Amino acid sequence: MEPKQSYKENNYPYYHQVIGNDISNTWHDAAQKELGGDWQMPTKEEWHELLFSTEHEWVSIHDRQGYLFTAKNGSRLFFPANGYAYDQNVDTPDEGYYWTSTFSNIDNAYVTYLPSNSWGISYYDRYIGIGIRAVKMN
C-alpha cells in the first residue's frame, strides 16, 4: 500500500463518518486489506496488553532507533521510530506512532505512541498518516 502525498481531513473519505467502533478484520482494516489471511490491525486492548506485559527499552538497531519489547518467554519485537504525517510533513520522526483498530469517537482512533522516554495510548484524527504494525491472529 503506497502512502498518500498528503494527509488532511479533505482527502480522507471517512472523516466525520461512523464506520464502527473497531475496524479490525473488516474491509477498513489496512493490514487485512494489504496482507489478507489472518493478518489484521491490533486493537487498543491488544496494544495495552503488549505494553503492560513486556519489558521495553529504547534502543538503536542497525542505526534505526525505536523500542524493543521483550516478553517473559524471551520473544522480542522491535518497533522503529516512524513519526506521523500531517499534510506533507513528517512530524516527530524520532518517536514511534502506531494505529490501533479501535475508534475513540467519530473522528479519532487510538494510537500507541512510543517516544524515547515514555509510552502510552492516546487518540489522533483518523486522517493523520500513522504507521500500522500488523498482527497475525491464531
Protein backbone atom coordinates (compact mmCIF):
# COMPACT_ATOMS: atom_id res chain seq x y z
CA MET A 1 0.00 0.00 0.00
CA GLU A 2 1.53 3.27 -1.09
CA PRO A 3 1.50 6.25 1.28
CA LYS A 4 -0.52 9.30 0.30
CA GLN A 5 1.13 12.50 -0.89
CA SER A 6 -0.76 14.47 1.77
CA TYR A 7 -2.69 13.61 4.94
CA LYS A 8 -5.52 16.06 5.59
CA GLU A 9 -9.18 15.86 6.51
CA ASN A 10 -10.26 16.83 2.98
CA ASN A 11 -8.65 13.73 1.40
CA TYR A 12 -9.82 11.17 3.95
CA PRO A 13 -13.15 9.81 2.66
CA TYR A 14 -14.45 8.62 6.06
CA TYR A 15 -13.85 11.75 8.13
CA HIS A 16 -16.97 12.62 10.18
CA GLN A 17 -18.46 9.23 9.27
CA VAL A 18 -19.36 6.37 11.57
CA ILE A 19 -17.78 3.15 10.29
CA GLY A 20 -17.90 1.18 13.55
CA ASN A 21 -16.08 1.15 16.88
CA ASP A 22 -13.36 -1.26 15.79
CA ILE A 23 -12.22 -1.87 12.21
CA SER A 24 -10.04 -4.90 12.98
CA ASN A 25 -10.56 -7.61 10.37
CA THR A 26 -13.01 -5.55 8.31
CA TRP A 27 -12.58 -4.09 4.83
CA HIS A 28 -11.46 -0.82 6.51
CA ASP A 29 -8.52 -2.67 8.15
CA ALA A 30 -5.38 -1.67 6.19
CA ALA A 31 -3.39 -4.68 7.45
CA GLN A 32 -6.14 -7.10 6.39
CA LYS A 33 -6.50 -5.34 3.05
CA GLU A 34 -2.76 -5.40 2.34
CA LEU A 35 -1.76 -8.81 3.77
CA GLY A 36 -5.02 -10.78 3.79
CA GLY A 37 -5.41 -14.10 5.60
CA ASP A 38 -5.19 -13.91 9.38
CA TRP A 39 -3.43 -10.52 9.43
CA GLN A 40 -5.13 -7.51 10.99
CA MET A 41 -4.56 -4.27 12.86
CA PRO A 42 -4.22 -4.77 16.63
CA THR A 43 -6.97 -3.44 18.88
CA LYS A 44 -6.39 -0.92 21.66
CA GLU A 45 -6.69 -3.80 24.15
CA GLU A 46 -4.03 -5.85 22.33
CA TRP A 47 -1.61 -2.90 22.36
CA HIS A 48 -2.39 -2.36 26.06
CA GLU A 49 -1.56 -5.99 26.77
CA LEU A 50 1.74 -5.70 24.89
CA LEU A 51 2.72 -2.51 26.71
CA PHE A 52 1.94 -3.88 30.16
CA SER A 53 3.10 -7.50 29.81
CA THR A 54 6.58 -6.93 28.36
CA GLU A 55 9.81 -5.22 29.22
CA HIS A 56 10.72 -2.47 26.79
CA GLU A 57 13.69 -0.26 26.17
CA TRP A 58 14.70 2.43 23.69
CA VAL A 59 17.49 1.02 21.52
CA SER A 60 19.29 1.52 18.24
CA ILE A 61 19.36 -1.47 15.88
CA HIS A 62 21.24 -1.13 12.58
CA ASP A 63 21.27 2.67 13.05
CA ARG A 64 17.48 2.73 13.50
CA GLN A 65 16.10 3.93 16.84
CA GLY A 66 12.97 2.51 18.41
CA TYR A 67 11.50 0.40 21.20
CA LEU A 68 12.50 -3.21 21.74
CA PHE A 69 9.78 -5.20 23.54
CA THR A 70 10.79 -8.42 25.30
CA ALA A 71 8.23 -10.95 26.56
CA LYS A 72 8.76 -13.20 29.58
CA ASN A 73 9.44 -16.13 27.23
CA GLY A 74 12.26 -14.18 25.54
CA SER A 75 10.40 -13.32 22.33
CA ARG A 76 11.27 -9.86 21.08
CA LEU A 77 9.64 -7.26 18.81
CA PHE A 78 11.24 -4.08 17.53
CA PHE A 79 9.10 -1.02 16.78
CA PRO A 80 11.14 1.60 14.90
CA ALA A 81 10.63 5.32 15.35
CA ASN A 82 8.50 6.42 12.41
CA GLY A 83 6.85 9.75 13.27
CA TYR A 84 3.48 10.68 11.82
CA ALA A 85 2.42 12.67 8.78
CA TYR A 86 0.13 15.67 8.67
CA ASP A 87 -0.38 17.27 5.27
CA GLN A 88 3.00 16.69 3.57
CA ASN A 89 5.17 16.90 6.69
CA VAL A 90 6.51 14.11 8.88
CA ASP A 91 6.41 15.24 12.50
CA THR A 92 8.46 13.79 15.37
CA PRO A 93 10.36 11.26 13.21
CA ASP A 94 12.35 10.21 16.31
CA GLU A 95 9.24 8.77 18.01
CA GLY A 96 7.09 5.75 17.21
CA TYR A 97 3.38 6.03 16.37
CA TYR A 98 1.17 3.05 15.53
CA TRP A 99 -2.58 2.88 14.88
CA THR A 100 -4.87 0.61 16.81
CA SER A 101 -8.05 -0.59 15.12
CA THR A 102 -10.19 0.95 17.88
CA PHE A 103 -12.00 4.26 17.45
CA SER A 104 -12.38 6.73 20.31
CA ASN A 105 -15.14 8.75 18.61
CA ILE A 106 -16.45 9.63 15.13
CA ASP A 107 -13.24 11.46 14.09
CA ASN A 108 -10.47 9.82 16.15
CA ALA A 109 -8.87 6.43 16.70
CA TYR A 110 -6.46 5.25 19.38
CA VAL A 111 -2.74 5.35 18.71
CA THR A 112 0.15 3.78 20.59
CA TYR A 113 2.91 6.36 20.90
CA LEU A 114 6.49 5.45 21.70
CA PRO A 115 8.77 8.43 22.35
CA SER A 116 12.24 7.65 23.71
CA ASN A 117 11.40 8.44 27.34
CA SER A 118 7.87 7.02 27.81
CA TRP A 119 4.99 5.27 26.05
CA GLY A 120 1.24 5.17 26.10
CA ILE A 121 -2.02 5.18 24.19
CA SER A 122 -3.79 8.34 23.08
CA TYR A 123 -6.01 9.28 20.15
CA TYR A 124 -5.46 11.18 16.91
CA ASP A 125 -7.59 12.30 13.99
CA ARG A 126 -8.10 9.35 11.65
CA TYR A 127 -6.80 11.25 8.61
CA ILE A 128 -3.28 11.57 10.10
CA GLY A 129 -0.63 9.35 8.46
CA ILE A 130 0.43 6.92 11.18
CA GLY A 131 2.18 3.55 10.92
CA ILE A 132 0.46 0.19 11.20
CA ARG A 133 2.01 -2.89 12.76
CA ALA A 134 0.01 -5.91 11.61
CA VAL A 135 -0.61 -8.88 13.91
CA LYS A 136 -1.40 -12.43 12.85
CA MET A 137 -4.37 -13.94 14.61
CA ASN A 138 -4.48 -17.63 15.53
